[in-house]
Protein backbone atom coordinates (compact mmCIF):
# COMPACT_ATOMS: atom_id res chain seq x y z
CA MET A 1 0.42 -0.19 -0.26
CA ASP A 2 1.18 3.10 -1.30
CA PHE A 3 1.62 5.72 1.58
CA ASN A 4 2.37 9.56 1.61
CA VAL A 5 5.24 10.14 4.65
CA LYS A 6 4.73 13.77 3.96
CA LYS A 7 0.62 14.42 4.05
CA LEU A 8 0.84 12.06 6.94
CA ALA A 9 2.97 13.86 8.81
CA SER A 10 1.36 17.28 7.74
CA ASP A 11 -1.87 15.91 8.90
CA ALA A 12 -0.52 14.77 12.30
CA GLY A 13 1.00 18.42 12.40
CA VAL A 14 -2.13 19.96 11.57
CA PHE A 15 -3.82 17.78 14.21
CA PHE A 16 -1.07 18.26 17.00
CA THR A 17 -1.52 22.26 16.42
CA ARG A 18 -5.07 22.10 16.68
CA ALA A 19 -5.40 19.94 19.65
CA VAL A 20 -2.76 22.43 21.39
CA GLN A 21 -5.30 25.72 20.65
CA PHE A 22 -8.60 23.68 21.59
CA THR A 23 -6.68 22.95 25.19
CA GLU A 24 -5.57 26.54 25.33
CA GLU A 25 -8.74 28.09 24.89
CA LYS A 26 -10.17 25.80 27.43
CA LEU A 27 -7.67 26.90 30.01
CA GLY A 28 -8.12 30.63 29.12
CA GLN A 29 -4.47 30.80 27.68
CA ALA A 30 -5.37 31.89 23.73
CA GLU A 31 -8.17 33.63 21.79
CA LYS A 32 -11.10 32.15 20.94
CA THR A 33 -13.17 33.07 17.58
CA GLU A 34 -16.87 33.44 18.51
CA LEU A 35 -19.47 32.32 15.85
CA ASP A 36 -21.74 35.01 14.93
CA ALA A 37 -25.43 34.72 17.45
CA HIS A 38 -27.56 33.97 14.52
CA LEU A 39 -25.32 30.50 13.57
CA GLU A 40 -25.28 29.96 17.36
CA ASN A 41 -29.21 30.17 17.81
CA LEU A 42 -29.41 27.45 14.59
CA ILE A 43 -26.74 24.87 16.24
CA ALA A 44 -28.77 25.15 19.58
CA ARG A 45 -31.97 24.60 17.51
CA ALA A 46 -30.61 21.79 15.68
CA ASP A 47 -29.40 20.08 18.42
CA CYS A 48 -32.92 20.59 20.32
CA THR A 49 -34.32 18.97 17.05
CA LYS A 50 -32.01 16.06 16.93
CA ASN A 51 -32.41 15.08 20.92
CA TRP A 52 -36.19 15.19 20.64
CA THR A 53 -36.30 13.34 17.58
CA GLU A 54 -34.47 10.58 19.27
CA LYS A 55 -36.61 10.37 21.95
CA ILE A 56 -39.61 10.28 20.19
CA LEU A 57 -38.49 7.90 18.04
CA ARG A 58 -37.33 5.37 20.53
CA GLN A 59 -40.33 5.54 22.60
CA THR A 60 -42.91 5.46 19.06
CA GLU A 61 -40.86 2.17 18.48
CA ILE A 62 -41.69 0.93 22.22
CA LEU A 63 -45.20 1.92 21.88
CA LEU A 64 -45.57 -0.23 17.99
CA GLN A 65 -43.50 -3.09 18.98
CA PRO A 66 -42.73 -3.39 23.21
CA ASN A 67 -40.98 -6.97 22.85
CA PRO A 68 -37.47 -5.64 23.08
CA SER A 69 -36.42 -8.66 21.41
CA ALA A 70 -38.55 -8.51 18.47
CA ARG A 71 -37.33 -5.10 17.95
CA ILE A 72 -33.47 -5.55 18.14
CA GLU A 73 -33.81 -8.56 15.27
CA GLU A 74 -35.98 -5.51 13.85
CA PHE A 75 -32.91 -3.68 13.73
CA PHE A 76 -30.65 -6.10 12.42
CA TYR A 77 -33.32 -6.52 9.27
CA GLU A 78 -32.89 -3.21 9.08
CA LYS A 79 -29.42 -2.90 9.13
CA LEU A 80 -28.28 -5.73 6.97
CA ASP A 81 -31.22 -4.11 4.04
CA ARG A 82 -33.07 -7.30 4.63
CA LYS A 83 -37.16 -7.69 4.68
CA ILE A 84 -38.06 -7.85 7.61
CA PRO A 85 -40.46 -11.38 8.13
CA SER A 86 -44.11 -10.94 8.76
CA ARG A 87 -44.88 -11.38 12.30
CA THR A 88 -48.28 -12.79 13.99
CA THR A 89 -50.04 -9.91 16.13
CA ASN A 90 -51.00 -11.53 19.75
CA GLY A 91 -54.49 -10.75 18.62
CA GLU A 92 -53.99 -13.34 15.56
CA LEU A 93 -52.58 -15.38 17.80
CA LEU A 94 -55.12 -14.96 21.00
CA GLY A 95 -57.75 -15.63 17.76
CA GLN A 96 -56.01 -18.88 16.37
CA TYR A 97 -56.17 -20.06 19.98
CA MET A 98 -59.58 -19.76 20.80
CA LEU A 99 -60.90 -21.48 17.10
CA GLU A 100 -58.64 -24.00 18.32
CA ALA A 101 -59.92 -24.87 21.61
CA ALA A 102 -63.34 -24.51 20.40
CA LYS A 103 -62.61 -26.88 17.75
CA ASP A 104 -61.50 -29.88 20.95
CA PHE A 105 -65.05 -28.16 23.31
CA GLY A 106 -67.34 -28.66 20.11
CA PRO A 107 -68.44 -25.71 17.82
CA GLY A 108 -72.04 -26.91 19.05
CA THR A 109 -71.67 -26.51 22.66
CA PRO A 110 -72.24 -22.98 23.78
CA TYR A 111 -68.98 -22.27 24.91
CA GLY A 112 -67.14 -23.44 21.84
CA ASN A 113 -69.86 -21.35 19.80
CA THR A 114 -68.64 -18.43 21.49
CA LEU A 115 -65.37 -19.05 21.29
CA ILE A 116 -65.46 -19.47 17.60
CA THR A 117 -67.25 -15.86 17.08
CA VAL A 118 -64.72 -14.19 19.41
CA GLY A 119 -61.80 -15.80 18.24
CA GLU A 120 -62.59 -14.81 14.29
CA TYR A 121 -63.19 -11.08 15.73
CA GLN A 122 -59.84 -11.30 17.87
CA LYS A 123 -57.93 -12.17 14.05
CA LYS A 124 -59.90 -9.23 13.03
CA LEU A 125 -58.55 -6.62 15.57
CA GLY A 126 -55.46 -8.22 15.09
CA GLY A 127 -55.28 -7.92 11.40
CA ALA A 128 -56.50 -4.16 12.07
CA GLU A 129 -53.16 -3.97 14.47
CA ARG A 130 -50.82 -5.04 11.71
CA GLU A 131 -52.24 -2.53 9.61
CA PHE A 132 -51.43 0.23 11.78
CA LEU A 133 -47.85 -1.00 12.56
CA GLN A 134 -47.09 -0.76 8.74
CA SER A 135 -48.70 2.32 8.24
CA SER A 136 -47.13 4.12 11.10
CA ALA A 137 -43.91 2.63 10.53
CA VAL A 138 -43.83 3.79 6.98
CA SER A 139 -45.59 7.21 7.87
CA PHE A 140 -43.49 8.44 11.06
CA LEU A 141 -40.65 5.92 12.14
CA THR A 142 -38.87 6.04 8.91
CA PRO A 143 -38.90 9.40 8.23
CA LEU A 144 -37.83 10.65 11.28
CA ARG A 145 -34.99 7.39 11.05
CA ASN A 146 -34.07 8.94 7.64
CA PHE A 147 -33.10 12.61 9.55
CA LEU A 148 -30.86 11.13 12.15
CA GLU A 149 -29.37 8.42 9.88
CA GLY A 150 -28.66 10.95 6.57
CA ASP A 151 -29.57 14.90 7.31
CA TRP A 152 -28.31 14.81 10.73
CA ARG A 153 -24.91 12.99 10.03
CA THR A 154 -24.41 15.49 6.72
CA ILE A 155 -24.92 18.59 9.40
CA SER A 156 -22.95 17.29 12.14
CA LYS A 157 -19.82 16.49 9.50
CA GLU A 158 -20.03 20.13 8.30
CA ARG A 159 -20.07 21.00 12.17
CA ARG A 160 -17.07 19.06 12.68
CA LEU A 161 -15.49 20.83 9.62
CA LEU A 162 -16.65 24.46 10.90
CA GLU A 163 -14.77 23.49 14.34
CA ASN A 164 -11.79 22.29 12.49
CA ARG A 165 -11.55 25.71 10.33
CA ARG A 166 -12.66 28.07 13.82
CA LEU A 167 -9.39 26.47 15.22
CA ASP A 168 -7.07 27.13 12.20
CA LEU A 169 -7.93 30.38 12.13
CA ASP A 170 -7.39 31.00 15.72
CA VAL A 171 -3.99 29.37 15.01
CA CYS A 172 -3.12 31.85 12.28
CA LYS A 173 -3.98 34.79 14.99
CA THR A 174 -1.72 33.60 17.33
CA ARG A 175 1.47 33.36 14.78
CA LEU A 176 0.64 36.64 13.53
CA LYS A 177 0.77 37.63 17.01
CA LYS A 178 3.96 36.08 17.53
CA ALA A 179 5.55 37.04 14.30
CA LYS A 180 8.58 39.74 15.22
CA LEU A 181 10.35 39.58 11.18
CA ALA A 182 8.81 41.73 8.36
CA GLU A 183 8.75 38.27 6.51
CA ALA A 184 7.25 36.32 9.28
CA LYS A 185 4.78 38.64 9.93
CA ALA A 186 3.87 38.80 6.25
CA ALA A 187 3.63 34.77 5.50
CA ALA A 188 1.36 35.64 8.87
CA GLU A 189 -0.94 37.41 7.23
CA HIS A 190 -1.34 35.40 4.36
CA GLU A 191 -1.85 32.43 6.34
CA LEU A 192 -4.85 34.32 8.33
CA ARG A 193 -6.55 35.85 5.28
CA VAL A 194 -6.56 32.01 3.52
CA ALA A 195 -7.66 30.66 7.23
CA GLN A 196 -10.88 33.45 7.32
CA THR A 197 -11.70 32.99 3.81
CA GLU A 198 -12.19 29.20 4.35
CA PHE A 199 -13.69 30.25 7.94
CA ASP A 200 -16.32 32.36 6.59
CA ARG A 201 -17.00 29.71 3.55
CA GLN A 202 -17.59 26.75 6.28
CA ALA A 203 -19.65 28.88 8.06
CA GLU A 204 -21.64 29.60 5.33
CA VAL A 205 -22.43 25.76 3.97
CA THR A 206 -22.87 24.95 7.60
CA ARG A 207 -25.87 28.03 8.07
CA LEU A 208 -27.84 26.74 5.21
CA LEU A 209 -27.49 23.21 6.57
CA LEU A 210 -28.71 24.58 9.78
CA GLU A 211 -31.31 26.78 8.46
CA GLY A 212 -32.61 23.34 6.40
CA ILE A 213 -34.15 22.28 10.02
CA SER A 214 -37.52 24.64 9.59
CA SER A 215 -38.09 22.08 6.38
CA THR A 216 -37.43 19.28 8.48
CA HIS A 217 -40.02 20.57 11.14
CA VAL A 218 -42.05 21.08 8.78
CA ASN A 219 -41.71 17.22 6.81
CA HIS A 220 -42.24 15.81 10.60
CA LEU A 221 -45.32 18.04 11.09
CA ARG A 222 -47.11 16.18 8.29
CA CYS A 223 -45.57 12.53 9.01
CA LEU A 224 -47.40 13.41 12.26
CA ARG A 225 -50.96 14.44 11.12
CA GLU A 226 -50.47 10.69 9.21
CA PHE A 227 -49.59 8.87 12.18
CA VAL A 228 -52.19 10.27 14.48
CA GLU A 229 -54.96 9.18 11.12
CA ALA A 230 -53.58 6.12 11.27
CA GLN A 231 -53.95 5.83 15.00
CA THR A 232 -58.04 6.93 14.80
CA VAL A 233 -58.30 4.58 11.73
CA TYR A 234 -57.15 1.84 13.71
CA TYR A 235 -59.04 2.46 16.81
CA ALA A 236 -62.24 3.33 15.16
CA GLN A 237 -61.73 -0.11 13.70
CA CYS A 238 -61.55 -1.45 17.09
CA GLN A 239 -64.59 0.09 17.91
CA GLN A 240 -66.41 -1.15 15.63
CA PHE A 241 -65.49 -4.60 15.95
CA MET A 242 -66.12 -4.63 19.59
CA GLN A 243 -69.65 -3.24 18.74
CA GLU A 244 -70.26 -6.19 16.08
CA LEU A 245 -69.10 -8.45 19.01
CA GLN A 246 -70.83 -7.50 21.43
CA LYS A 247 -74.17 -7.65 19.03
CA GLU A 248 -73.27 -11.22 18.10
CA LEU A 249 -72.45 -11.92 21.40
CA SER A 250 -76.26 -10.71 22.68
CA ARG A 251 -77.99 -13.01 20.41
CA PHE A 252 -76.66 -16.12 22.11
CA PRO A 253 -78.26 -17.59 25.36
CA ASN A 254 -76.40 -16.23 28.57
CA ALA A 255 -78.31 -17.54 31.77
CA PHE A 256 -76.60 -15.18 33.89
CA ALA A 257 -75.96 -12.37 31.29
CA VAL A 258 -75.79 -8.67 32.95
CA ASN A 259 -76.99 -5.78 30.23
CA PRO A 260 -73.57 -3.32 29.88
CA SER A 261 -76.34 -0.33 30.69
CA THR A 262 -76.64 -1.25 34.52
CA SER A 263 -75.54 0.57 37.13
CA GLY A 264 -71.96 -0.71 37.25
CA LEU A 265 -72.03 -3.64 39.79
CA SER A 266 -71.08 -6.78 38.41
CA VAL A 267 -73.00 -10.17 38.90
CA GLY A 268 -70.72 -12.29 41.38
CA SER A 269 -68.93 -9.25 43.15
CA SER A 270 -69.08 -8.53 47.25
CA PRO A 271 -69.92 -4.94 48.06
CA ILE A 272 -69.78 -4.73 51.80
CA SER A 273 -73.17 -3.83 53.03
CA SER A 274 -74.91 -1.88 55.45
CA SER A 275 -77.10 -2.75 57.68
CA SER A 276 -80.14 -1.79 55.52
CA GLY A 277 -78.48 -3.86 52.58
CA ALA A 278 -76.91 -1.15 50.47
CA PRO A 279 -73.67 -0.91 49.86
CA LEU A 280 -71.87 1.40 52.04
CA GLY A 281 -71.01 4.82 49.83
CA THR A 282 -73.94 4.16 46.97
CA SER A 283 -77.48 3.80 46.49
CA SER A 284 -80.13 1.19 45.39
CA PRO A 285 -79.79 1.13 41.80
CA HIS A 286 -82.24 2.05 39.15
CA ARG A 287 -85.53 -0.38 39.04
CA PRO A 288 -84.57 -2.12 35.42
CA THR A 289 -87.34 -0.90 32.85
CA ILE A 290 -89.58 -3.80 32.44
CA SER A 291 -89.49 -4.96 28.56
CA SER A 292 -92.36 -5.82 26.82
CA ASN A 293 -90.91 -9.60 26.45
CA ALA A 294 -89.37 -9.92 29.66
CA LEU A 295 -90.96 -13.41 29.95
CA GLU A 296 -92.90 -13.88 26.77
CA PRO A 297 -96.31 -12.88 28.44
CA GLY A 298 -99.52 -14.18 26.62
CA THR A 299 -97.62 -17.47 25.54
CA LEU A 300 -95.78 -17.99 29.53
CA LYS A 301 -97.11 -17.56 33.15
CA ILE A 302 -95.16 -17.15 36.13
CA GLU A 303 -97.46 -20.01 38.09
CA GLU A 304 -96.47 -21.95 34.83
CA VAL A 305 -92.47 -21.33 35.13
CA GLN A 306 -90.86 -24.35 36.17
CA PRO A 307 -87.26 -24.44 37.77
CA PRO A 308 -84.81 -26.51 35.37
CA ALA A 309 -82.97 -29.19 36.46
CA THR A 310 -79.64 -27.69 36.11
CA GLY A 311 -78.67 -23.95 36.27
CA THR A 312 -80.47 -22.94 39.46
CA ARG A 313 -78.36 -20.47 41.63
CA LYS A 314 -78.21 -19.40 45.31
CA ALA A 315 -78.19 -15.79 45.30
CA LYS A 316 -77.87 -13.18 47.87
CA VAL A 317 -80.11 -9.79 47.65
CA LEU A 318 -78.50 -6.78 48.14
CA TYR A 319 -81.37 -4.42 48.66
CA ASP A 320 -84.97 -4.53 49.30
CA TYR A 321 -87.29 -4.84 46.15
CA ASP A 322 -90.65 -4.00 46.41
CA ALA A 323 -92.94 -5.91 43.43
CA ALA A 324 -94.22 -3.57 40.59
CA ASP A 325 -96.79 -6.07 39.70
CA THR A 326 -97.99 -10.13 40.17
CA SER A 327 -95.01 -11.20 37.80
CA GLU A 328 -92.53 -9.74 40.08
CA LEU A 329 -91.10 -11.09 43.73
CA SER A 330 -90.39 -8.71 46.45
CA LEU A 331 -87.00 -8.65 48.19
CA LEU A 332 -85.71 -8.16 51.66
CA ALA A 333 -82.34 -7.05 52.11
CA ASP A 334 -79.25 -10.01 52.80
CA GLU A 335 -82.15 -12.88 52.73
CA LEU A 336 -81.08 -15.91 49.85
CA ILE A 337 -83.20 -17.10 47.27
CA THR A 338 -83.00 -19.47 44.58
CA VAL A 339 -82.89 -17.95 40.65
CA TYR A 340 -83.03 -19.28 37.47
CA THR A 341 -83.65 -17.87 34.32
CA VAL A 342 -85.57 -19.25 31.23
CA PRO A 343 -85.58 -19.26 27.52
CA GLY A 344 -86.32 -16.14 25.87
CA MET A 345 -86.04 -14.21 29.24
CA ASP A 346 -84.79 -10.36 29.53
CA PRO A 347 -81.23 -10.53 30.49
CA ASP A 348 -81.86 -7.71 33.35
CA TRP A 349 -84.28 -10.36 35.07
CA LEU A 350 -84.19 -13.68 36.49
CA ILE A 351 -87.04 -15.80 38.18
CA GLY A 352 -86.52 -16.13 41.91
CA GLU A 353 -87.93 -18.11 44.30
CA ARG A 354 -88.71 -18.31 48.05
CA GLY A 355 -90.35 -21.09 49.50
CA ASN A 356 -93.65 -21.63 47.36
CA GLN A 357 -93.20 -17.45 46.80
CA LYS A 358 -91.95 -16.47 42.99
CA GLY A 359 -91.60 -14.15 40.45
CA LYS A 360 -89.10 -11.80 38.12
CA VAL A 361 -86.30 -10.51 40.44
CA PRO A 362 -84.10 -7.84 38.94
CA VAL A 363 -80.10 -9.04 38.22
CA THR A 364 -78.86 -5.51 39.82
CA TYR A 365 -80.20 -6.61 43.09
CA LEU A 366 -78.57 -9.73 43.46
CA GLU A 367 -75.08 -11.20 43.93
CA LEU A 368 -75.07 -14.46 42.47
CA LEU A 369 -73.17 -16.92 44.99
CA SER A 370 -73.27 -20.42 43.77
């Protein structure tokens, strides 16, 4: 390999001279050429942009891919300039497990049938998540990463050159001050003029690059809007799928379902009760609206209702309840009754039995025990 010894020695001498100048500046023993205020402001703004872009990029990557191992794998694929393999989302995996479980439990059973429906919608949610991740990576992550790996590296390179030109300029100023002979002063003045010209040229190049940060902000603003739009579409799809899933599930028979519009007390919860029967700090729930088909009047009468062979449960009454008509059963707080449902019954109501008394009772007044 052919080495240019003279150039190598010259570069080493320049490096040493710059190092001495830099050290003397830090110690306050040498003059330092200050950049103009506008350029200093541009540098500070660029540094701020770079730092916050790095943080936003890093946190967005964590948001979109919480698994650190998967992020490392994607990083290596990007560095190797290879396509990242398609990865099954958690929602799709959960949906697949539910569908496989339904086959084992029997698709004809209530549980198996419900697993099939929920599993299909979980796969839809997983597919929507996949589209959101791909869209966000293209519209938001890639532009931020391109800025850090492209524009910012160019800016950093030119800033280092500007710093070297400044050090060279200050070295020339120092030499001129130390020169005593006329010839030495003339040579030093010539070197100073050359150094000043190179410094001014590099300062202008650096200034133009730094002013381009404004365009970077505009570009990142557009990318941010696209990211928010992708989030909006994704969450709207999720809401739509969940509403459709709720409608599907409402068609399935559920012996002890609680309507989502109730007061918020979950069936089977155990709130602390006062002596009056109502939970401490709460009031008795509103009386459920009596549906016109709560018990299929005209085709089925309370006295004709018989408890099923299986499916009866014990329930503790949480609040006093006064029957609105003869089809309902009045309740006293803290008493125990037997409850069950019948086909076609409103999910807000159950059939309650106390001894030889029988009637409809509201689910929200009960705590199911077994």
